[in-house]
């Protein structure tokens, strides 16, 4: 039954975690044992050794729901250990699916990927999850919930009231850090629990609660109690003594007092208890109508005179019945539809055809021989040998127990069949013939079927141009074009690139070959079908060595053996070079290359020639620091290459001295990678440190493979260090404080905005000007070109609210600028202007002033219209005569108060006209003065840079022209 509810009820995913995102996302870590680790290609959050790890997280503000669904994937390393999972301190039992048991991490024992799914009955607005496991971790987790079936408040289903009527009155102690709540009297004493993500519980011996309830009948109190201490809940209508813990519910029936008063204290004054997530629900009073005929519109005594729309009157009983079949569920109707074979019959739920057990029109079990489909209807069981007429079954097993042209109880469509009867083909299409109830192309009928045949000559003779309806040339033909042979090669030749070439290695000697020994071994007398001398042989005849070269012995078994000697000027296999001496600082010492030297041997018997070649160097530059992330540039001063297939980026290693790896993270961004071809290698390294330091950390960069330049000069230093800045790390608590301050500033800005709007409505504009000037001045503080800590960056981000960019986007002003080819190429200045993406275009920056001018013009026209309407229709005798007539029906004092209040509002609006004068324009210009000066200077600075670059380009062009004229003059003179 639970599976049916889940499948037919809306499921909502409200939280997801994935360790591959490299973010722990609010999970609390017990004793910092858990980390984000990597096993093979799998990223997980947990322990990389045999220790037990524990993590927890709390999630707030869930919508009304009846169940929660947890789908998670875990990694178990070197052993099949199941994780322990608790939801709201309830240990969960679950089934799991092991999807892999291979050696993922590279160890001797296998690793296990475990997928679990938990469905837990739950209706609280807060939930916490606690996980404990040994040697492994959490890969991913998805938390979803099932909404209440009738969208009721709190999913309260334990009481006889119709649970749609329960309404939430107040929700207290529902945040991670408990703050003061209305109606409560208590001492601020809290306890933090790890199993709920370090959430706080109110620790008390006695607390008092008082609140005013709206008109109500019953009251339901719910809260979470974290221990087994006995407490007493005292209310006006009795007391409740509670000894259990976890979920607590107290129902107070027929609560008539408008004030709900509670005194919660421990039975033993020396003991204390913990509480959080306190909720108060209530129901509205029931309205009882006497002798009410349902569906009646007009009634006299107990007799109905006129029924409502959708109801029909019973002439004998004088009451109303809903019309069954109008598609509207009313009265005692359970459903209303006239669809044949539907689950609704005569406006009552009934089972669909062939259904044995159903509930609310949903079939749960079919009769024998039928199965439930995805639409909860009953289909015949395919394969039982019983053909059900007038159903989705078209065929079934034959008598002999095999399929007879039937697949999935439907007749198989026979390809290329012109006329068929059930699963039997009676006639094939033209060009096809029938073989065993199937249509195949008929080869030999001289009809060419484009999809199946190349040709059809009506016979089956080979090598006549067409065989078995495929083009075919004569034997050993190399070029065949639609059955015609164009070229055929002789023995010992092969057809390559439309020509016949001799085949070397087939042991057939052609006129182009000296020999052919059937192999590709060098120095064996015949190589690539040409006679070749053995290695180091000076004179040979047809592959046989007659005399060896100098420093080599007389041929033995047709091979010349070399005598090794360093300094003889001959480069042997054991030597890198040989310059004929053993001196140093000439590029070759002891027959080995020296640093920053490159040696080559022109011919086999010549000395090694060495030249000095400066090797490439590693260039490390510190770029900047954005919040807590520091960026370092890695470059080389020359074009470089490597000698392996593995890119250079995969062999770069980074280390931070005196800092544990779990407290920092590095990311490499590739601008231009280095491979076997020459290129300028360029990389950006991102370093983030997760703790505050009293010293500036040093970053060590290691290159773990051989790097050389175009002259094959090797990189001299493969290790470099650079000192980083102090990290601006903020933990979750500090970030929470910063966000709280930002939120407070946000509410302050909203409050000031509301005050200014109210002052404008009452005709006072000075306060609006002053407040806007103050906020505008504070906004410019964030452009100070200094490295701010992260909490100050969070504080300055609130000033994005002061901009008019959302209003510009609402009126599609940026699209208008793009239409006239403005703002198509945005250029940002350096420093904080680049951080906040401050555009240097003057027209784009003055968009807010342009919008203000348009708004100023609109207000002028609006005030003139209000003034004309006021004098023509309000401040006239006709309006007063209407008021006098109205006073005959309504109290005159009320009419007088309303007219005076309306008069004052219009008078204040007309006062705003004084701001629409030249003085008002002066105030608007003064208000925008700082902003316009700031944007003009920014534009002037950018324009100066462009002008300087243009002068440099102009100077280079003039120099180039002068050089060309000088070359022409020299050529003419010569």
Foldseek 3Di string as FASTA:
>chain_A
DVVVCVVVFDKFWDDKDALVVVDPVLKDWDVPQWFFDDAQNATFTGHQAQDKIKIKEKDAQDAFFFKKKKKFKKKAPQDPWDKWKDKLNHTDDWDWDWPDFACRRPDPGTMTIIITMDIGTDQARMMMMMIMDTNIGTRMMIMMGTHAPVSAHSNDDPDPDPRNQKDWDDKAQGDQEHDDDPFKDADPDWDFDRNRSRRIWRKHQKMKGKDFADAFFKKKKKWFWDDQFWKWKDWPVGIDIGRDGGIDMDIGGGDGDRMTIIMMGTPDSVHITTIGTIIMIGGHDDDDDPLDAPQADDDDDNAGDHGHPQWDADPPVRGIDGDAAPQDDDDPFLGHHDDPQFQADSSHGHEGPQADDDDSRAGDHGDPQWDQDPVSHTAGDAAPQDADPPGPAPAHADPVRDDDCADPRAHPDAPQADDADRNAGDHGHPQWDDDPRHTDGDAQPQDADVVPAPGHPNDADPQPQAHSRYGHHHPQADDADSNYGDDHDDPQWDQDPNDTDGDAQPQDDDPVAPGHPNDQDPLQQAHSRHGDAHPQADDDDSSAGDHGHPQWDGDDVRHTHHDDDALCQAADPVACFHQNDQDPPQQAHPRHGDAQKFWDDPDRRGHIHIDGHHWKEWDKAWDDQDAQKTKIKIWIPAWKAFDDADKQVVQKDKDKPPDDPSQKDKDKDWPDIHYHDTDIGMIMMIMGGADFDPAFIKMKIAGDGWMGHPSRRTHPDRIDIDTHDTGLHDDPVRVVVLVVVLVVVLVVVVVLVVVQVVCVLLQDNPSVLVVLLVLVVVLCVQQPQDDDHPSVVSNSVSSVVSDCVVVCVVVVVVVVCVVVPHPPDFDFDDGVSVVVVPGLDLVVLCPVVVVVVVVLVVLLVVLVVLVVCCVPPPPDVVNVVVLVVVCVPPPNVVSVVVSVVVVSSSVSSNSNVVLSDPVVVVSVCVSCVVSSVVSVVSNVVVVVVVVVVVVVVVVVVVVVVVVVVVVVVVVVVD
